[in-house]
PDB file of N, CA and C in Angstrom:
ATOM      1  N   MET A   1       6.288   7.822  -0.811  1.00  0.00           N
ATOM      2  CA  MET A   1       7.322   7.599  -0.592  1.00  0.00           C
ATOM      3  C   MET A   1       8.768   8.577  -0.443  1.00  0.00           C
ATOM      4  N   ARG A   2       8.507  10.116  -1.153  1.00  0.00           N
ATOM      5  CA  ARG A   2       8.734  10.789  -1.093  1.00  0.00           C
ATOM      6  C   ARG A   2       9.529  11.296  -0.106  1.00  0.00           C
ATOM      7  N   GLU A   3       8.559  11.192   0.822  1.00  0.00           N
ATOM      8  CA  GLU A   3       8.502  11.257   2.109  1.00  0.00           C
ATOM      9  C   GLU A   3       9.625  10.353   2.647  1.00  0.00           C
ATOM     10  N   SER A   4       9.300   9.254   2.689  1.00  0.00           N
ATOM     11  CA  SER A   4       9.620   8.222   3.142  1.00  0.00           C
ATOM     12  C   SER A   4      11.791   8.539   3.066  1.00  0.00           C
ATOM     13  N   MET A   5      11.968   8.735   1.772  1.00  0.00           N
ATOM     14  CA  MET A   5      12.945   8.647   1.597  1.00  0.00           C
ATOM     15  C   MET A   5      13.882   9.850   2.321  1.00  0.00           C
ATOM     16  N   TRP A   6      12.918  11.008   2.302  1.00  0.00           N
ATOM     17  CA  TRP A   6      13.176  12.014   2.838  1.00  0.00           C
ATOM     18  C   TRP A   6      13.860  11.926   4.377  1.00  0.00           C
ATOM     19  N   ARG A   7      13.565  11.321   4.810  1.00  0.00           N
ATOM     20  CA  ARG A   7      13.148  10.664   6.182  1.00  0.00           C
ATOM     21  C   ARG A   7      14.822   9.997   7.094  1.00  0.00           C
ATOM     22  N   CYS A   8      14.293   9.054   5.413  1.00  0.00           N
ATOM     23  CA  CYS A   8      15.632   8.615   5.517  1.00  0.00           C
ATOM     24  C   CYS A   8      17.319   8.916   5.157  1.00  0.00           C
ATOM     25  N   ALA A   9      17.484  10.065   4.439  1.00  0.00           N
ATOM     26  CA  ALA A   9      18.257  10.707   4.117  1.00  0.00           C
ATOM     27  C   ALA A   9      18.516  10.956   5.655  1.00  0.00           C
ATOM     28  N   VAL A  10      17.657  12.173   5.742  1.00  0.00           N
ATOM     29  CA  VAL A  10      18.111  12.780   7.160  1.00  0.00           C
ATOM     30  C   VAL A  10      18.394  11.884   8.677  1.00  0.00           C
ATOM     31  N   GLN A  11      18.191  11.029   8.316  1.00  0.00           N
ATOM     32  CA  GLN A  11      18.352  10.023   9.716  1.00  0.00           C
ATOM     33  C   GLN A  11      19.992   9.681   9.194  1.00  0.00           C
ATOM     34  N   THR A  12      20.300   9.035   7.870  1.00  0.00           N
ATOM     35  CA  THR A  12      21.539   8.670   7.672  1.00  0.00           C
ATOM     36  C   THR A  12      22.809  10.195   7.756  1.00  0.00           C
ATOM     37  N   PHE A  13      22.117  11.250   7.407  1.00  0.00           N
ATOM     38  CA  PHE A  13      22.747  12.346   7.450  1.00  0.00           C
ATOM     39  C   PHE A  13      23.469  13.186   9.373  1.00  0.00           C
ATOM     40  N   ARG A  14      22.006  12.812   9.860  1.00  0.00           N
ATOM     41  CA  ARG A  14      22.102  12.797  11.752  1.00  0.00           C
ATOM     42  C   ARG A  14      23.341  11.637  12.092  1.00  0.00           C
ATOM     43  N   TYR A  15      22.770  10.480  11.575  1.00  0.00           N
ATOM     44  CA  TYR A  15      23.922   8.934  11.810  1.00  0.00           C
ATOM     45  C   TYR A  15      25.300   9.758  12.052  1.00  0.00           C
ATOM     46  N   SER A  16      25.674   9.920  10.547  1.00  0.00           N
ATOM     47  CA  SER A  16      27.018   9.834  10.133  1.00  0.00           C
ATOM     48  C   SER A  16      27.423  11.356  10.328  1.00  0.00           C
ATOM     49  N   PHE A  17      26.747  12.403  10.370  1.00  0.00           N
ATOM     50  CA  PHE A  17      26.854  13.537  11.485  1.00  0.00           C
ATOM     51  C   PHE A  17      27.836  13.116  13.265  1.00  0.00           C
ATOM     52  N   ALA A  18      27.277  12.433  13.463  1.00  0.00           N
ATOM     53  CA  ALA A  18      27.185  12.310  15.350  1.00  0.00           C
ATOM     54  C   ALA A  18      28.520  10.948  15.194  1.00  0.00           C
ATOM     55  N   THR A  19      28.651  10.074  14.311  1.00  0.00           N
ATOM     56  CA  THR A  19      29.321   9.218  14.209  1.00  0.00           C
ATOM     57  C   THR A  19      30.988   9.914  13.161  1.00  0.00           C
ATOM     58  N   HIS A  20      31.021  11.067  12.738  1.00  0.00           N
ATOM     59  CA  HIS A  20      31.934  11.700  12.870  1.00  0.00           C
ATOM     60  C   HIS A  20      32.680  12.589  13.603  1.00  0.00           C
ATOM     61  N   LEU A  21      31.933  13.353  14.900  1.00  0.00           N
ATOM     62  CA  LEU A  21      31.894  14.156  15.673  1.00  0.00           C
ATOM     63  C   LEU A  21      32.641  13.175  16.675  1.00  0.00           C
ATOM     64  N   SER A  22      32.248  11.225  17.287  1.00  0.00           N
ATOM     65  CA  SER A  22      32.387  10.765  17.904  1.00  0.00           C
ATOM     66  C   SER A  22      33.455   9.796  17.786  1.00  0.00           C
ATOM     67  N   GLU A  23      34.166   9.585  15.828  1.00  0.00           N
ATOM     68  CA  GLU A  23      35.321   9.552  15.875  1.00  0.00           C
ATOM     69  C   GLU A  23      36.949  11.132  15.670  1.00  0.00           C
ATOM     70  N   ASN A  24      35.905  12.083  16.541  1.00  0.00           N
ATOM     71  CA  ASN A  24      36.859  13.261  16.339  1.00  0.00           C
ATOM     72  C   ASN A  24      37.021  13.606  17.847  1.00  0.00           C
ATOM     73  N   ASP A  25      36.449  12.432  18.907  1.00  0.00           N
ATOM     74  CA  ASP A  25      37.434  12.767  20.271  1.00  0.00           C
ATOM     75  C   ASP A  25      35.806  13.882  20.569  1.00  0.00           C
ATOM     76  N   ILE A  26      34.745  13.863  19.895  1.00  0.00           N
ATOM     77  CA  ILE A  26      33.984  14.798  20.721  1.00  0.00           C
ATOM     78  C   ILE A  26      33.328  14.162  21.384  1.00  0.00           C
ATOM     79  N   ASP A  27      32.740  14.490  22.490  1.00  0.00           N
ATOM     80  CA  ASP A  27      32.030  13.790  23.585  1.00  0.00           C
ATOM     81  C   ASP A  27      30.891  13.739  23.486  1.00  0.00           C
ATOM     82  N   LEU A  28      30.226  12.614  24.044  1.00  0.00           N
ATOM     83  CA  LEU A  28      29.200  12.533  24.276  1.00  0.00           C
ATOM     84  C   LEU A  28      28.223  13.301  24.117  1.00  0.00           C
ATOM     85  N   ARG A  29      28.199  13.723  25.630  1.00  0.00           N
ATOM     86  CA  ARG A  29      27.511  14.912  26.134  1.00  0.00           C
ATOM     87  C   ARG A  29      27.173  15.943  24.564  1.00  0.00           C
ATOM     88  N   TYR A  30      28.489  16.374  24.024  1.00  0.00           N
ATOM     89  CA  TYR A  30      28.087  17.921  23.342  1.00  0.00           C
ATOM     90  C   TYR A  30      27.824  17.003  22.098  1.00  0.00           C
ATOM     91  N   ILE A  31      27.764  15.613  21.478  1.00  0.00           N
ATOM     92  CA  ILE A  31      26.710  14.904  20.065  1.00  0.00           C
ATOM     93  C   ILE A  31      25.094  15.259  21.098  1.00  0.00           C
ATOM     94  N   GLN A  32      25.047  14.808  22.130  1.00  0.00           N
ATOM     95  CA  GLN A  32      23.504  14.718  22.307  1.00  0.00           C
ATOM     96  C   GLN A  32      23.222  15.823  22.693  1.00  0.00           C
ATOM     97  N   GLU A  33      23.865  17.218  23.039  1.00  0.00           N
ATOM     98  CA  GLU A  33      23.351  18.584  22.636  1.00  0.00           C
ATOM     99  C   GLU A  33      22.669  18.570  21.793  1.00  0.00           C
ATOM    100  N   LEU A  34      23.944  18.372  20.396  1.00  0.00           N
ATOM    101  CA  LEU A  34      23.397  19.693  19.332  1.00  0.00           C
ATOM    102  C   LEU A  34      22.468  18.490  18.464  1.00  0.00           C
ATOM    103  N   HIS A  35      22.185  17.183  18.808  1.00  0.00           N
ATOM    104  CA  HIS A  35      20.996  16.012  18.111  1.00  0.00           C
ATOM    105  C   HIS A  35      19.485  16.686  19.199  1.00  0.00           C
ATOM    106  N   GLY A  36      19.458  17.662  20.496  1.00  0.00           N
ATOM    107  CA  GLY A  36      18.835  17.714  20.760  1.00  0.00           C
ATOM    108  C   GLY A  36      18.340  16.653  21.972  1.00  0.00           C
ATOM    109  N   HIS A  37      19.213  15.814  22.137  1.00  0.00           N
ATOM    110  CA  HIS A  37      17.980  14.583  22.947  1.00  0.00           C
ATOM    111  C   HIS A  37      18.218  14.702  24.373  1.00  0.00           C
ATOM    112  N   LYS A  38      17.235  14.309  24.534  1.00  0.00           N
ATOM    113  CA  LYS A  38      17.067  14.164  26.582  1.00  0.00           C
ATOM    114  C   LYS A  38      18.065  13.323  27.071  1.00  0.00           C
ATOM    115  N   SER A  39      18.347  12.266  26.367  1.00  0.00           N
ATOM    116  CA  SER A  39      18.748  11.416  26.987  1.00  0.00           C
ATOM    117  C   SER A  39      19.334  10.753  26.166  1.00  0.00           C
ATOM    118  N   SER A  40      20.638   9.824  27.051  1.00  0.00           N
ATOM    119  CA  SER A  40      22.242  10.069  26.303  1.00  0.00           C
ATOM    120  C   SER A  40      21.759   8.508  25.133  1.00  0.00           C
ATOM    121  N   LYS A  41      21.382   7.707  25.809  1.00  0.00           N
ATOM    122  CA  LYS A  41      20.925   6.695  25.004  1.00  0.00           C
ATOM    123  C   LYS A  41      20.618   7.144  23.938  1.00  0.00           C
ATOM    124  N   THR A  42      19.676   8.072  23.956  1.00  0.00           N
ATOM    125  CA  THR A  42      19.339   8.089  22.217  1.00  0.00           C
ATOM    126  C   THR A  42      19.865   8.887  21.537  1.00  0.00           C
ATOM    127  N   THR A  43      20.660   9.131  22.164  1.00  0.00           N
ATOM    128  CA  THR A  43      22.655   9.245  21.598  1.00  0.00           C
ATOM    129  C   THR A  43      23.044   8.494  20.909  1.00  0.00           C
ATOM    130  N   GLU A  44      23.532   7.363  21.761  1.00  0.00           N
ATOM    131  CA  GLU A  44      24.193   6.226  22.051  1.00  0.00           C
ATOM    132  C   GLU A  44      23.846   5.561  20.762  1.00  0.00           C
ATOM    133  N   ILE A  45      22.372   5.590  20.396  1.00  0.00           N
ATOM    134  CA  ILE A  45      22.170   4.619  18.675  1.00  0.00           C
ATOM    135  C   ILE A  45      23.130   5.343  17.614  1.00  0.00           C
ATOM    136  N   TYR A  46      23.181   6.601  17.590  1.00  0.00           N
ATOM    137  CA  TYR A  46      23.718   7.123  16.291  1.00  0.00           C
ATOM    138  C   TYR A  46      25.312   6.931  16.497  1.00  0.00           C
ATOM    139  N   THR A  47      25.915   6.257  17.405  1.00  0.00           N
ATOM    140  CA  THR A  47      27.049   5.994  17.378  1.00  0.00           C
ATOM    141  C   THR A  47      27.131   4.716  17.509  1.00  0.00           C
ATOM    142  N   HIS A  48      29.043   4.083  16.968  1.00  0.00           N
ATOM    143  CA  HIS A  48      29.672   3.287  16.382  1.00  0.00           C
ATOM    144  C   HIS A  48      30.645   2.855  17.398  1.00  0.00           C
ATOM    145  N   VAL A  49      31.269   1.360  17.041  1.00  0.00           N
ATOM    146  CA  VAL A  49      32.487   1.704  17.017  1.00  0.00           C
ATOM    147  C   VAL A  49      33.082   1.397  15.869  1.00  0.00           C
ATOM    148  N   SER A  50      33.948   2.283  15.782  1.00  0.00           N
ATOM    149  CA  SER A  50      34.815   2.459  13.958  1.00  0.00           C
ATOM    150  C   SER A  50      36.150   1.914  14.466  1.00  0.00           C
ATOM    151  N   ASN A  51      36.537   1.555  13.138  1.00  0.00           N
ATOM    152  CA  ASN A  51      37.613   0.697  12.766  1.00  0.00           C
ATOM    153  C   ASN A  51      38.761   1.524  13.366  1.00  0.00           C
ATOM    154  N   LYS A  52      38.962   2.960  13.088  1.00  0.00           N
ATOM    155  CA  LYS A  52      39.941   4.202  13.553  1.00  0.00           C
ATOM    156  C   LYS A  52      39.900   3.762  15.020  1.00  0.00           C
ATOM    157  N   ASP A  53      38.749   3.844  15.444  1.00  0.00           N
ATOM    158  CA  ASP A  53      38.797   3.747  17.406  1.00  0.00           C
ATOM    159  C   ASP A  53      39.683   2.106  17.211  1.00  0.00           C
ATOM    160  N   ILE A  54      39.442   1.248  16.916  1.00  0.00           N
ATOM    161  CA  ILE A  54      39.367   0.354  17.573  1.00  0.00           C
ATOM    162  C   ILE A  54      41.036  -0.177  16.667  1.00  0.00           C
ATOM    163  N   GLY A  55      41.946   0.475  15.829  1.00  0.00           N
ATOM    164  CA  GLY A  55      43.382   0.258  15.315  1.00  0.00           C
ATOM    165  C   GLY A  55      43.953   1.343  17.220  1.00  0.00           C
ATOM    166  N   ARG A  56      43.531   2.301  17.621  1.00  0.00           N
ATOM    167  CA  ARG A  56      43.886   2.830  18.690  1.00  0.00           C
ATOM    168  C   ARG A  56      44.325   2.149  20.091  1.00  0.00           C
ATOM    169  N   ILE A  57      43.666   0.906  20.317  1.00  0.00           N
ATOM    170  CA  ILE A  57      43.727   0.454  21.674  1.00  0.00           C
ATOM    171  C   ILE A  57      44.965  -0.454  21.560  1.00  0.00           C
ATOM    172  N   LYS A  58      45.561  -0.530  22.844  1.00  0.00           N
ATOM    173  CA  LYS A  58      46.683  -0.790  22.959  1.00  0.00           C
ATOM    174  C   LYS A  58      46.345  -1.850  23.750  1.00  0.00           C
ATOM    175  N   SER A  59      47.654  -3.022  23.561  1.00  0.00           N
ATOM    176  CA  SER A  59      47.359  -4.332  24.744  1.00  0.00           C
ATOM    177  C   SER A  59      48.405  -3.719  26.066  1.00  0.00           C
ATOM    178  N   PRO A  60      47.449  -4.070  26.612  1.00  0.00           N
ATOM    179  CA  PRO A  60      48.563  -3.948  28.274  1.00  0.00           C
ATOM    180  C   PRO A  60      50.103  -4.716  27.714  1.00  0.00           C
ATOM    181  N   LEU A  61      50.153  -5.711  27.688  1.00  0.00           N
ATOM    182  CA  LEU A  61      51.170  -6.562  26.952  1.00  0.00           C
ATOM    183  C   LEU A  61      52.067  -5.182  26.245  1.00  0.00           C
ATOM    184  N   ASP A  62      51.849  -4.587  25.503  1.00  0.00           N
ATOM    185  CA  ASP A  62      52.829  -3.796  25.019  1.00  0.00           C
ATOM    186  C   ASP A  62      53.613  -2.576  25.660  1.00  0.00           C
ATOM    187  N   SER A  63      52.692  -2.089  26.750  1.00  0.00           N
ATOM    188  CA  SER A  63      53.512  -1.327  27.686  1.00  0.00           C
ATOM    189  C   SER A  63      54.918  -2.201  28.653  1.00  0.00           C
ATOM    190  N   LEU A  64      54.565  -3.670  28.140  1.00  0.00           N
ATOM    191  CA  LEU A  64      55.673  -4.542  29.394  1.00  0.00           C
ATOM    192  C   LEU A  64      56.791  -4.899  28.485  1.00  0.00           C
ATOM    193  N   SER A  65      56.295  -4.347  27.097  1.00  0.00           N
ATOM    194  CA  SER A  65      57.651  -4.647  26.229  1.00  0.00           C
ATOM    195  C   SER A  65      58.405  -4.133  25.500  1.00  0.00           C
ATOM    196  N   GLY A  66      58.019  -2.579  25.828  1.00  0.00           N
ATOM    197  CA  GLY A  66      58.111  -1.061  26.194  1.00  0.00           C
ATOM    198  C   GLY A  66      57.699  -0.659  24.476  1.00  0.00           C
ATOM    199  N   LYS A  67      56.847  -1.076  24.119  1.00  0.00           N
ATOM    200  CA  LYS A  67      56.505  -0.907  22.657  1.00  0.00           C
ATOM    201  C   LYS A  67      55.160   0.669  22.175  1.00  0.00           C
TER     202      LYS A  67
END
């Protein structure tokens, strides 16, 4: 049981670390290298869309109105 809890904690840390890097605009390729992944698809598992990123998206209509 302790071993499974330890694995869960490690995976949570890896996921949080990758998400933090991604939210701070670190390129996915660097995150991939830091995690030792051969495939970027594996690294993409640790990243997700955050509210911070969504908030930065501007509508194309905003540029038309001068916002």
